[in-house]
Amino acid sequence: MRKVVAEVEKENPHASLMAVNGEGMEKDVMFITFYKDYSAYSDAVSLTKSLPFISLASFESFLVDLNDEDNYRLLTLGQMARHLESLGKISKEETAQKNK
């Protein structure tokens, strides 16, 4: 699966932040990605659904408008670094480097 996805991503680059296994809500895989517009998202969904190991019966998505002024808190790398620091996973110096 990783080899196929790597080849697909070479031919169809997009901002994929995360692709992980998990469990809950009757699902076992999650992707977090960015797209320029709905058309780019739609193209990526079609491509994803064409992969042989994707189950169309359980494919669902959730869209977020990052320009929505009512968004409470957006994901940032600085926010992630501060959280990792609070868990003792990285030092304050590493957090400062990530925030530059």
PDB file of N, CA and C in Angstrom:
ATOM      1  N   MET A   1       0.812  -1.179   0.000  1.00  0.00           N
ATOM      2  CA  MET A   1       0.000   0.000   0.000  1.00  0.00           C
ATOM      3  C   MET A   1       0.868   1.260   0.000  1.00  0.00           C
ATOM      4  N   ARG A   2       1.902   1.279   0.835  1.00  0.00           N
ATOM      5  CA  ARG A   2       2.768   2.467   0.906  1.00  0.00           C
ATOM      6  C   ARG A   2       3.443   2.757  -0.427  1.00  0.00           C
ATOM      7  N   LYS A   3       3.870   1.711  -1.112  1.00  0.00           N
ATOM      8  CA  LYS A   3       4.540   1.879  -2.401  1.00  0.00           C
ATOM      9  C   LYS A   3       3.580   2.485  -3.428  1.00  0.00           C
ATOM     10  N   VAL A   4       2.356   1.968  -3.473  1.00  0.00           N
ATOM     11  CA  VAL A   4       1.355   2.485  -4.414  1.00  0.00           C
ATOM     12  C   VAL A   4       1.044   3.944  -4.104  1.00  0.00           C
ATOM     13  N   VAL A   5       0.831   4.262  -2.835  1.00  0.00           N
ATOM     14  CA  VAL A   5       0.512   5.637  -2.441  1.00  0.00           C
ATOM     15  C   VAL A   5       1.677   6.565  -2.766  1.00  0.00           C
ATOM     16  N   ALA A   6       2.893   6.147  -2.523  1.00  0.00           N
ATOM     17  CA  ALA A   6       4.065   6.976  -2.833  1.00  0.00           C
ATOM     18  C   ALA A   6       4.118   7.307  -4.324  1.00  0.00           C
ATOM     19  N   GLU A   7       3.832   6.331  -5.164  1.00  0.00           N
ATOM     20  CA  GLU A   7       3.818   6.564  -6.617  1.00  0.00           C
ATOM     21  C   GLU A   7       2.686   7.509  -7.016  1.00  0.00           C
ATOM     22  N   VAL A   8       1.511   7.321  -6.437  1.00  0.00           N
ATOM     23  CA  VAL A   8       0.373   8.194  -6.735  1.00  0.00           C
ATOM     24  C   VAL A   8       0.687   9.632  -6.312  1.00  0.00           C
ATOM     25  N   GLU A   9       1.302   9.804  -5.144  1.00  0.00           N
ATOM     26  CA  GLU A   9       1.622  11.146  -4.652  1.00  0.00           C
ATOM     27  C   GLU A   9       2.673  11.838  -5.517  1.00  0.00           C
ATOM     28  N   LYS A  10       3.595  11.079  -6.107  1.00  0.00           N
ATOM     29  CA  LYS A  10       4.581  11.678  -7.008  1.00  0.00           C
ATOM     30  C   LYS A  10       3.901  12.294  -8.218  1.00  0.00           C
ATOM     31  N   GLU A  11       2.908  11.591  -8.735  1.00  0.00           N
ATOM     32  CA  GLU A  11       2.196  12.050  -9.926  1.00  0.00           C
ATOM     33  C   GLU A  11       1.104  13.065  -9.611  1.00  0.00           C
ATOM     34  N   ASN A  12       0.625  13.089  -8.370  1.00  0.00           N
ATOM     35  CA  ASN A  12      -0.481  13.947  -7.962  1.00  0.00           C
ATOM     36  C   ASN A  12      -0.164  14.583  -6.616  1.00  0.00           C
ATOM     37  N   PRO A  13       0.763  15.539  -6.578  1.00  0.00           N
ATOM     38  CA  PRO A  13       1.161  16.108  -5.279  1.00  0.00           C
ATOM     39  C   PRO A  13       0.025  16.900  -4.635  1.00  0.00           C
ATOM     40  N   HIS A  14      -0.053  16.819  -3.316  1.00  0.00           N
ATOM     41  CA  HIS A  14      -0.992  17.609  -2.533  1.00  0.00           C
ATOM     42  C   HIS A  14      -0.441  17.711  -1.117  1.00  0.00           C
ATOM     43  N   ALA A  15      -1.008  18.616  -0.357  1.00  0.00           N
ATOM     44  CA  ALA A  15      -0.516  18.837   1.002  1.00  0.00           C
ATOM     45  C   ALA A  15      -1.175  17.850   1.959  1.00  0.00           C
ATOM     46  N   SER A  16      -0.553  16.708   2.116  1.00  0.00           N
ATOM     47  CA  SER A  16      -1.058  15.694   3.030  1.00  0.00           C
ATOM     48  C   SER A  16      -0.324  15.843   4.356  1.00  0.00           C
ATOM     49  N   LEU A  17      -1.064  16.167   5.405  1.00  0.00           N
ATOM     50  CA  LEU A  17      -0.456  16.353   6.717  1.00  0.00           C
ATOM     51  C   LEU A  17      -0.304  15.049   7.481  1.00  0.00           C
ATOM     52  N   MET A  18      -1.306  14.185   7.313  1.00  0.00           N
ATOM     53  CA  MET A  18      -1.297  12.996   8.142  1.00  0.00           C
ATOM     54  C   MET A  18      -2.083  11.883   7.462  1.00  0.00           C
ATOM     55  N   ALA A  19      -1.597  10.676   7.566  1.00  0.00           N
ATOM     56  CA  ALA A  19      -2.302   9.477   7.131  1.00  0.00           C
ATOM     57  C   ALA A  19      -1.984   8.412   8.170  1.00  0.00           C
ATOM     58  N   VAL A  20      -2.988   8.029   8.965  1.00  0.00           N
ATOM     59  CA  VAL A  20      -2.743   7.137  10.094  1.00  0.00           C
ATOM     60  C   VAL A  20      -3.820   6.067  10.209  1.00  0.00           C
ATOM     61  N   ASN A  21      -3.446   4.972  10.840  1.00  0.00           N
ATOM     62  CA  ASN A  21      -4.403   3.941  11.215  1.00  0.00           C
ATOM     63  C   ASN A  21      -4.975   4.301  12.574  1.00  0.00           C
ATOM     64  N   GLY A  22      -6.185   3.884  12.828  1.00  0.00           N
ATOM     65  CA  GLY A  22      -6.814   4.138  14.115  1.00  0.00           C
ATOM     66  C   GLY A  22      -8.092   3.336  14.209  1.00  0.00           C
ATOM     67  N   GLU A  23      -8.908   3.673  15.172  1.00  0.00           N
ATOM     68  CA  GLU A  23     -10.192   3.006  15.273  1.00  0.00           C
ATOM     69  C   GLU A  23     -11.195   3.916  15.955  1.00  0.00           C
ATOM     70  N   GLY A  24     -12.441   3.784  15.556  1.00  0.00           N
ATOM     71  CA  GLY A  24     -13.533   4.573  16.110  1.00  0.00           C
ATOM     72  C   GLY A  24     -14.490   4.978  15.012  1.00  0.00           C
ATOM     73  N   MET A  25     -15.755   5.149  15.382  1.00  0.00           N
ATOM     74  CA  MET A  25     -16.787   5.555  14.435  1.00  0.00           C
ATOM     75  C   MET A  25     -16.819   4.618  13.227  1.00  0.00           C
ATOM     76  N   GLU A  26     -16.511   3.343  13.484  1.00  0.00           N
ATOM     77  CA  GLU A  26     -16.508   2.302  12.461  1.00  0.00           C
ATOM     78  C   GLU A  26     -15.527   2.584  11.322  1.00  0.00           C
ATOM     79  N   LYS A  27     -14.433   3.279  11.607  1.00  0.00           N
ATOM     80  CA  LYS A  27     -13.392   3.597  10.631  1.00  0.00           C
ATOM     81  C   LYS A  27     -12.055   3.110  11.163  1.00  0.00           C
ATOM     82  N   ASP A  28     -11.072   2.968  10.245  1.00  0.00           N
ATOM     83  CA  ASP A  28      -9.758   2.530  10.695  1.00  0.00           C
ATOM     84  C   ASP A  28      -8.593   3.280  10.052  1.00  0.00           C
ATOM     85  N   VAL A  29      -8.887   4.274   9.213  1.00  0.00           N
ATOM     86  CA  VAL A  29      -7.836   5.084   8.589  1.00  0.00           C
ATOM     87  C   VAL A  29      -8.309   6.535   8.548  1.00  0.00           C
ATOM     88  N   MET A  30      -7.377   7.470   8.742  1.00  0.00           N
ATOM     89  CA  MET A  30      -7.714   8.888   8.668  1.00  0.00           C
ATOM     90  C   MET A  30      -6.633   9.631   7.892  1.00  0.00           C
ATOM     91  N   PHE A  31      -7.058  10.548   7.022  1.00  0.00           N
ATOM     92  CA  PHE A  31      -6.149  11.418   6.285  1.00  0.00           C
ATOM     93  C   PHE A  31      -6.509  12.856   6.616  1.00  0.00           C
ATOM     94  N   ILE A  32      -5.508  13.692   6.817  1.00  0.00           N
ATOM     95  CA  ILE A  32      -5.727  15.133   6.947  1.00  0.00           C
ATOM     96  C   ILE A  32      -4.925  15.784   5.832  1.00  0.00           C
ATOM     97  N   THR A  33      -5.603  16.515   4.965  1.00  0.00           N
ATOM     98  CA  THR A  33      -4.972  17.111   3.793  1.00  0.00           C
ATOM     99  C   THR A  33      -5.487  18.524   3.566  1.00  0.00           C
ATOM    100  N   PHE A  34      -4.735  19.300   2.781  1.00  0.00           N
ATOM    101  CA  PHE A  34      -5.127  20.641   2.361  1.00  0.00           C
ATOM    102  C   PHE A  34      -5.352  20.649   0.860  1.00  0.00           C
ATOM    103  N   TYR A  35      -6.342  21.403   0.419  1.00  0.00           N
ATOM    104  CA  TYR A  35      -6.603  21.579  -1.005  1.00  0.00           C
ATOM    105  C   TYR A  35      -6.882  23.039  -1.292  1.00  0.00           C
ATOM    106  N   LYS A  36      -6.471  23.482  -2.463  1.00  0.00           N
ATOM    107  CA  LYS A  36      -6.649  24.878  -2.870  1.00  0.00           C
ATOM    108  C   LYS A  36      -8.123  25.255  -2.955  1.00  0.00           C
ATOM    109  N   ASP A  37      -8.922  24.344  -3.489  1.00  0.00           N
ATOM    110  CA  ASP A  37     -10.344  24.621  -3.667  1.00  0.00           C
ATOM    111  C   ASP A  37     -11.101  23.299  -3.740  1.00  0.00           C
ATOM    112  N   TYR A  38     -12.417  23.406  -3.883  1.00  0.00           N
ATOM    113  CA  TYR A  38     -13.245  22.205  -3.899  1.00  0.00           C
ATOM    114  C   TYR A  38     -12.923  21.305  -5.092  1.00  0.00           C
ATOM    115  N   SER A  39     -12.604  21.893  -6.197  1.00  0.00           N
ATOM    116  CA  SER A  39     -12.274  21.112  -7.389  1.00  0.00           C
ATOM    117  C   SER A  39     -11.055  20.218  -7.140  1.00  0.00           C
ATOM    118  N   ALA A  40     -10.032  20.773  -6.504  1.00  0.00           N
ATOM    119  CA  ALA A  40      -8.835  19.985  -6.182  1.00  0.00           C
ATOM    120  C   ALA A  40      -9.178  18.874  -5.195  1.00  0.00           C
ATOM    121  N   TYR A  41     -10.034  19.176  -4.239  1.00  0.00           N
ATOM    122  CA  TYR A  41     -10.480  18.169  -3.278  1.00  0.00           C
ATOM    123  C   TYR A  41     -11.232  17.044  -3.999  1.00  0.00           C
ATOM    124  N   SER A  42     -12.156  17.421  -4.861  1.00  0.00           N
ATOM    125  CA  SER A  42     -12.957  16.444  -5.597  1.00  0.00           C
ATOM    126  C   SER A  42     -12.076  15.529  -6.451  1.00  0.00           C
ATOM    127  N   ASP A  43     -11.079  16.101  -7.111  1.00  0.00           N
ATOM    128  CA  ASP A  43     -10.145  15.300  -7.903  1.00  0.00           C
ATOM    129  C   ASP A  43      -9.396  14.299  -7.024  1.00  0.00           C
ATOM    130  N   ALA A  44      -8.963  14.754  -5.840  1.00  0.00           N
ATOM    131  CA  ALA A  44      -8.222  13.879  -4.930  1.00  0.00           C
ATOM    132  C   ALA A  44      -9.105  12.754  -4.398  1.00  0.00           C
ATOM    133  N   VAL A  45     -10.363  13.060  -4.118  1.00  0.00           N
ATOM    134  CA  VAL A  45     -11.289  12.020  -3.648  1.00  0.00           C
ATOM    135  C   VAL A  45     -11.474  10.963  -4.732  1.00  0.00           C
ATOM    136  N   SER A  46     -11.661  11.397  -5.968  1.00  0.00           N
ATOM    137  CA  SER A  46     -11.816  10.449  -7.072  1.00  0.00           C
ATOM    138  C   SER A  46     -10.582   9.566  -7.209  1.00  0.00           C
ATOM    139  N   LEU A  47      -9.404  10.180  -7.107  1.00  0.00           N
ATOM    140  CA  LEU A  47      -8.155   9.425  -7.190  1.00  0.00           C
ATOM    141  C   LEU A  47      -8.056   8.425  -6.035  1.00  0.00           C
ATOM    142  N   THR A  48      -8.377   8.868  -4.827  1.00  0.00           N
ATOM    143  CA  THR A  48      -8.308   8.001  -3.653  1.00  0.00           C
ATOM    144  C   THR A  48      -9.240   6.812  -3.801  1.00  0.00           C
ATOM    145  N   LYS A  49     -10.452   7.072  -4.270  1.00  0.00           N
ATOM    146  CA  LYS A  49     -11.429   5.995  -4.439  1.00  0.00           C
ATOM    147  C   LYS A  49     -11.012   4.997  -5.515  1.00  0.00           C
ATOM    148  N   SER A  50     -10.123   5.402  -6.406  1.00  0.00           N
ATOM    149  CA  SER A  50      -9.672   4.494  -7.460  1.00  0.00           C
ATOM    150  C   SER A  50      -8.598   3.522  -6.978  1.00  0.00           C
ATOM    151  N   LEU A  51      -8.030   3.757  -5.803  1.00  0.00           N
ATOM    152  CA  LEU A  51      -6.997   2.868  -5.283  1.00  0.00           C
ATOM    153  C   LEU A  51      -7.613   1.524  -4.903  1.00  0.00           C
ATOM    154  N   PRO A  52      -6.922   0.420  -5.222  1.00  0.00           N
ATOM    155  CA  PRO A  52      -7.503  -0.909  -5.034  1.00  0.00           C
ATOM    156  C   PRO A  52      -7.776  -1.283  -3.578  1.00  0.00           C
ATOM    157  N   PHE A  53      -7.114  -0.675  -2.625  1.00  0.00           N
ATOM    158  CA  PHE A  53      -7.276  -1.059  -1.227  1.00  0.00           C
ATOM    159  C   PHE A  53      -8.220  -0.137  -0.463  1.00  0.00           C
ATOM    160  N   ILE A  54      -8.917   0.771  -1.158  1.00  0.00           N
ATOM    161  CA  ILE A  54      -9.874   1.672  -0.520  1.00  0.00           C
ATOM    162  C   ILE A  54     -11.274   1.075  -0.636  1.00  0.00           C
ATOM    163  N   SER A  55     -11.957   0.971   0.490  1.00  0.00           N
ATOM    164  CA  SER A  55     -13.323   0.455   0.502  1.00  0.00           C
ATOM    165  C   SER A  55     -14.297   1.607   0.275  1.00  0.00           C
ATOM    166  N   LEU A  56     -14.946   1.623  -0.865  1.00  0.00           N
ATOM    167  CA  LEU A  56     -15.893   2.687  -1.190  1.00  0.00           C
ATOM    168  C   LEU A  56     -17.085   2.711  -0.252  1.00  0.00           C
ATOM    169  N   ALA A  57     -17.442   1.569   0.289  1.00  0.00           N
ATOM    170  CA  ALA A  57     -18.611   1.498   1.168  1.00  0.00           C
ATOM    171  C   ALA A  57     -18.408   2.288   2.459  1.00  0.00           C
ATOM    172  N   SER A  58     -17.168   2.465   2.868  1.00  0.00           N
ATOM    173  CA  SER A  58     -16.930   3.143   4.140  1.00  0.00           C
ATOM    174  C   SER A  58     -16.174   4.460   3.989  1.00  0.00           C
ATOM    175  N   PHE A  59     -16.062   4.969   2.777  1.00  0.00           N
ATOM    176  CA  PHE A  59     -15.334   6.218   2.541  1.00  0.00           C
ATOM    177  C   PHE A  59     -16.221   7.406   2.909  1.00  0.00           C
ATOM    178  N   GLU A  60     -15.748   8.243   3.828  1.00  0.00           N
ATOM    179  CA  GLU A  60     -16.467   9.452   4.212  1.00  0.00           C
ATOM    180  C   GLU A  60     -15.466  10.589   4.339  1.00  0.00           C
ATOM    181  N   SER A  61     -15.961  11.808   4.230  1.00  0.00           N
ATOM    182  CA  SER A  61     -15.063  12.954   4.389  1.00  0.00           C
ATOM    183  C   SER A  61     -15.754  14.058   5.173  1.00  0.00           C
ATOM    184  N   PHE A  62     -14.949  14.993   5.646  1.00  0.00           N
ATOM    185  CA  PHE A  62     -15.414  16.131   6.423  1.00  0.00           C
ATOM    186  C   PHE A  62     -14.624  17.335   5.950  1.00  0.00           C
ATOM    187  N   LEU A  63     -15.303  18.358   5.467  1.00  0.00           N
ATOM    188  CA  LEU A  63     -14.629  19.542   4.927  1.00  0.00           C
ATOM    189  C   LEU A  63     -14.622  20.668   5.950  1.00  0.00           C
ATOM    190  N   VAL A  64     -13.506  21.418   5.990  1.00  0.00           N
ATOM    191  CA  VAL A  64     -13.376  22.574   6.862  1.00  0.00           C
ATOM    192  C   VAL A  64     -12.935  23.758   6.021  1.00  0.00           C
ATOM    193  N   ASP A  65     -13.623  24.878   6.156  1.00  0.00           N
ATOM    194  CA  ASP A  65     -13.241  26.124   5.478  1.00  0.00           C
ATOM    195  C   ASP A  65     -12.295  26.892   6.394  1.00  0.00           C
ATOM    196  N   LEU A  66     -11.020  26.931   6.054  1.00  0.00           N
ATOM    197  CA  LEU A  66     -10.031  27.601   6.902  1.00  0.00           C
ATOM    198  C   LEU A  66     -10.197  29.114   6.912  1.00  0.00           C
ATOM    199  N   ASN A  67     -10.990  29.647   5.997  1.00  0.00           N
ATOM    200  CA  ASN A  67     -11.248  31.083   5.955  1.00  0.00           C
ATOM    201  C   ASN A  67     -12.462  31.485   6.782  1.00  0.00           C
ATOM    202  N   ASP A  68     -13.147  30.542   7.376  1.00  0.00           N
ATOM    203  CA  ASP A  68     -14.328  30.817   8.187  1.00  0.00           C
ATOM    204  C   ASP A  68     -13.906  31.578   9.441  1.00  0.00           C
ATOM    205  N   GLU A  69     -14.429  32.781   9.619  1.00  0.00           N
ATOM    206  CA  GLU A  69     -14.040  33.622  10.756  1.00  0.00           C
ATOM    207  C   GLU A  69     -14.544  33.075  12.091  1.00  0.00           C
ATOM    208  N   ASP A  70     -15.472  32.132  12.070  1.00  0.00           N
ATOM    209  CA  ASP A  70     -15.991  31.554  13.304  1.00  0.00           C
ATOM    210  C   ASP A  70     -15.180  30.353  13.788  1.00  0.00           C
ATOM    211  N   ASN A  71     -14.121  29.961  13.051  1.00  0.00           N
ATOM    212  CA  ASN A  71     -13.270  28.869  13.511  1.00  0.00           C
ATOM    213  C   ASN A  71     -12.672  29.250  14.853  1.00  0.00           C
ATOM    214  N   TYR A  72     -12.687  28.314  15.788  1.00  0.00           N
ATOM    215  CA  TYR A  72     -12.191  28.590  17.131  1.00  0.00           C
ATOM    216  C   TYR A  72     -10.672  28.523  17.210  1.00  0.00           C
ATOM    217  N   ARG A  73     -10.104  27.428  16.744  1.00  0.00           N
ATOM    218  CA  ARG A  73      -8.641  27.276  16.802  1.00  0.00           C
ATOM    219  C   ARG A  73      -8.213  26.386  15.640  1.00  0.00           C
ATOM    220  N   LEU A  74      -7.284  26.882  14.856  1.00  0.00           N
ATOM    221  CA  LEU A  74      -6.743  26.113  13.744  1.00  0.00           C
ATOM    222  C   LEU A  74      -5.449  25.435  14.161  1.00  0.00           C
ATOM    223  N   LEU A  75      -5.119  24.357  13.518  1.00  0.00           N
ATOM    224  CA  LEU A  75      -3.898  23.614  13.797  1.00  0.00           C
ATOM    225  C   LEU A  75      -2.689  24.378  13.265  1.00  0.00           C
ATOM    226  N   THR A  76      -1.701  24.600  14.118  1.00  0.00           N
ATOM    227  CA  THR A  76      -0.452  25.219  13.691  1.00  0.00           C
ATOM    228  C   THR A  76       0.712  24.371  14.196  1.00  0.00           C
ATOM    229  N   LEU A  77       1.854  24.488  13.536  1.00  0.00           N
ATOM    230  CA  LEU A  77       3.040  23.747  13.987  1.00  0.00           C
ATOM    231  C   LEU A  77       3.514  24.251  15.344  1.00  0.00           C
ATOM    232  N   GLY A  78       3.390  25.565  15.583  1.00  0.00           N
ATOM    233  CA  GLY A  78       3.773  26.127  16.883  1.00  0.00           C
ATOM    234  C   GLY A  78       2.935  25.549  18.009  1.00  0.00           C
ATOM    235  N   GLN A  79       1.650  25.414  17.761  1.00  0.00           N
ATOM    236  CA  GLN A  79       0.734  24.825  18.740  1.00  0.00           C
ATOM    237  C   GLN A  79       1.132  23.384  19.036  1.00  0.00           C
ATOM    238  N   MET A  80       1.478  22.636  18.009  1.00  0.00           N
ATOM    239  CA  MET A  80       1.908  21.249  18.197  1.00  0.00           C
ATOM    240  C   MET A  80       3.209  21.190  18.989  1.00  0.00           C
ATOM    241  N   ALA A  81       4.148  22.093  18.689  1.00  0.00           N
ATOM    242  CA  ALA A  81       5.432  22.110  19.392  1.00  0.00           C
ATOM    243  C   ALA A  81       5.225  22.416  20.877  1.00  0.00           C
ATOM    244  N   ARG A  82       4.356  23.382  21.189  1.00  0.00           N
ATOM    245  CA  ARG A  82       4.094  23.711  22.598  1.00  0.00           C
ATOM    246  C   ARG A  82       3.474  22.521  23.333  1.00  0.00           C
ATOM    247  N   HIS A  83       2.603  21.789  22.658  1.00  0.00           N
ATOM    248  CA  HIS A  83       1.996  20.608  23.277  1.00  0.00           C
ATOM    249  C   HIS A  83       3.053  19.530  23.530  1.00  0.00           C
ATOM    250  N   LEU A  84       3.913  19.279  22.546  1.00  0.00           N
ATOM    251  CA  LEU A  84       4.975  18.290  22.723  1.00  0.00           C
ATOM    252  C   LEU A  84       5.921  18.702  23.845  1.00  0.00           C
ATOM    253  N   GLU A  85       6.174  20.003  23.956  1.00  0.00           N
ATOM    254  CA  GLU A  85       7.011  20.503  25.052  1.00  0.00           C
ATOM    255  C   GLU A  85       6.346  20.211  26.394  1.00  0.00           C
ATOM    256  N   SER A  86       5.029  20.449  26.489  1.00  0.00           N
ATOM    257  CA  SER A  86       4.324  20.218  27.749  1.00  0.00           C
ATOM    258  C   SER A  86       4.340  18.746  28.150  1.00  0.00           C
ATOM    259  N   LEU A  87       4.453  17.858  27.188  1.00  0.00           N
ATOM    260  CA  LEU A  87       4.530  16.423  27.468  1.00  0.00           C
ATOM    261  C   LEU A  87       5.956  15.953  27.729  1.00  0.00           C
ATOM    262  N   GLY A  88       6.921  16.862  27.590  1.00  0.00           N
ATOM    263  CA  GLY A  88       8.312  16.506  27.795  1.00  0.00           C
ATOM    264  C   GLY A  88       8.922  15.790  26.606  1.00  0.00           C
ATOM    265  N   LYS A  89       8.263  15.854  25.454  1.00  0.00           N
ATOM    266  CA  LYS A  89       8.763  15.158  24.261  1.00  0.00           C
ATOM    267  C   LYS A  89       9.833  15.972  23.542  1.00  0.00           C
ATOM    268  N   ILE A  90       9.799  17.307  23.670  1.00  0.00           N
ATOM    269  CA  ILE A  90      10.826  18.173  23.091  1.00  0.00           C
ATOM    270  C   ILE A  90      11.156  19.257  24.100  1.00  0.00           C
ATOM    271  N   SER A  91      12.321  19.876  23.948  1.00  0.00           N
ATOM    272  CA  SER A  91      12.761  20.907  24.886  1.00  0.00           C
ATOM    273  C   SER A  91      12.252  22.287  24.477  1.00  0.00           C
ATOM    274  N   LYS A  92      12.351  23.262  25.399  1.00  0.00           N
ATOM    275  CA  LYS A  92      11.946  24.636  25.093  1.00  0.00           C
ATOM    276  C   LYS A  92      12.784  25.208  23.955  1.00  0.00           C
ATOM    277  N   GLU A  93      14.054  24.805  23.891  1.00  0.00           N
ATOM    278  CA  GLU A  93      14.926  25.278  22.821  1.00  0.00           C
ATOM    279  C   GLU A  93      14.426  24.779  21.460  1.00  0.00           C
ATOM    280  N   GLU A  94      14.001  23.528  21.409  1.00  0.00           N
ATOM    281  CA  GLU A  94      13.461  22.984  20.163  1.00  0.00           C
ATOM    282  C   GLU A  94      12.166  23.680  19.778  1.00  0.00           C
ATOM    283  N   THR A  95      11.340  24.015  20.776  1.00  0.00           N
ATOM    284  CA  THR A  95      10.102  24.753  20.504  1.00  0.00           C
ATOM    285  C   THR A  95      10.429  26.125  19.929  1.00  0.00           C
ATOM    286  N   ALA A  96      11.416  26.795  20.512  1.00  0.00           N
ATOM    287  CA  ALA A  96      11.810  28.121  20.008  1.00  0.00           C
ATOM    288  C   ALA A  96      12.295  28.025  18.571  1.00  0.00           C
ATOM    289  N   GLN A  97      13.056  26.975  18.240  1.00  0.00           N
ATOM    290  CA  GLN A  97      13.524  26.784  16.873  1.00  0.00           C
ATOM    291  C   GLN A  97      12.355  26.569  15.912  1.00  0.00           C
ATOM    292  N   LYS A  98      11.352  25.819  16.334  1.00  0.00           N
ATOM    293  CA  LYS A  98      10.195  25.534  15.481  1.00  0.00           C
ATOM    294  C   LYS A  98       9.318  26.769  15.275  1.00  0.00           C
ATOM    295  N   ASN A  99       9.357  27.712  16.225  1.00  0.00           N
ATOM    296  CA  ASN A  99       8.529  28.910  16.142  1.00  0.00           C
ATOM    297  C   ASN A  99       9.183  30.029  15.336  1.00  0.00           C
ATOM    298  N   LYS A 100      10.422  29.824  14.868  1.00  0.00           N
ATOM    299  CA  LYS A 100      11.112  30.866  14.072  1.00  0.00           C
ATOM    300  C   LYS A 100      10.565  30.940  12.690  1.00  0.00           C
TER     301      LYS A 100
END
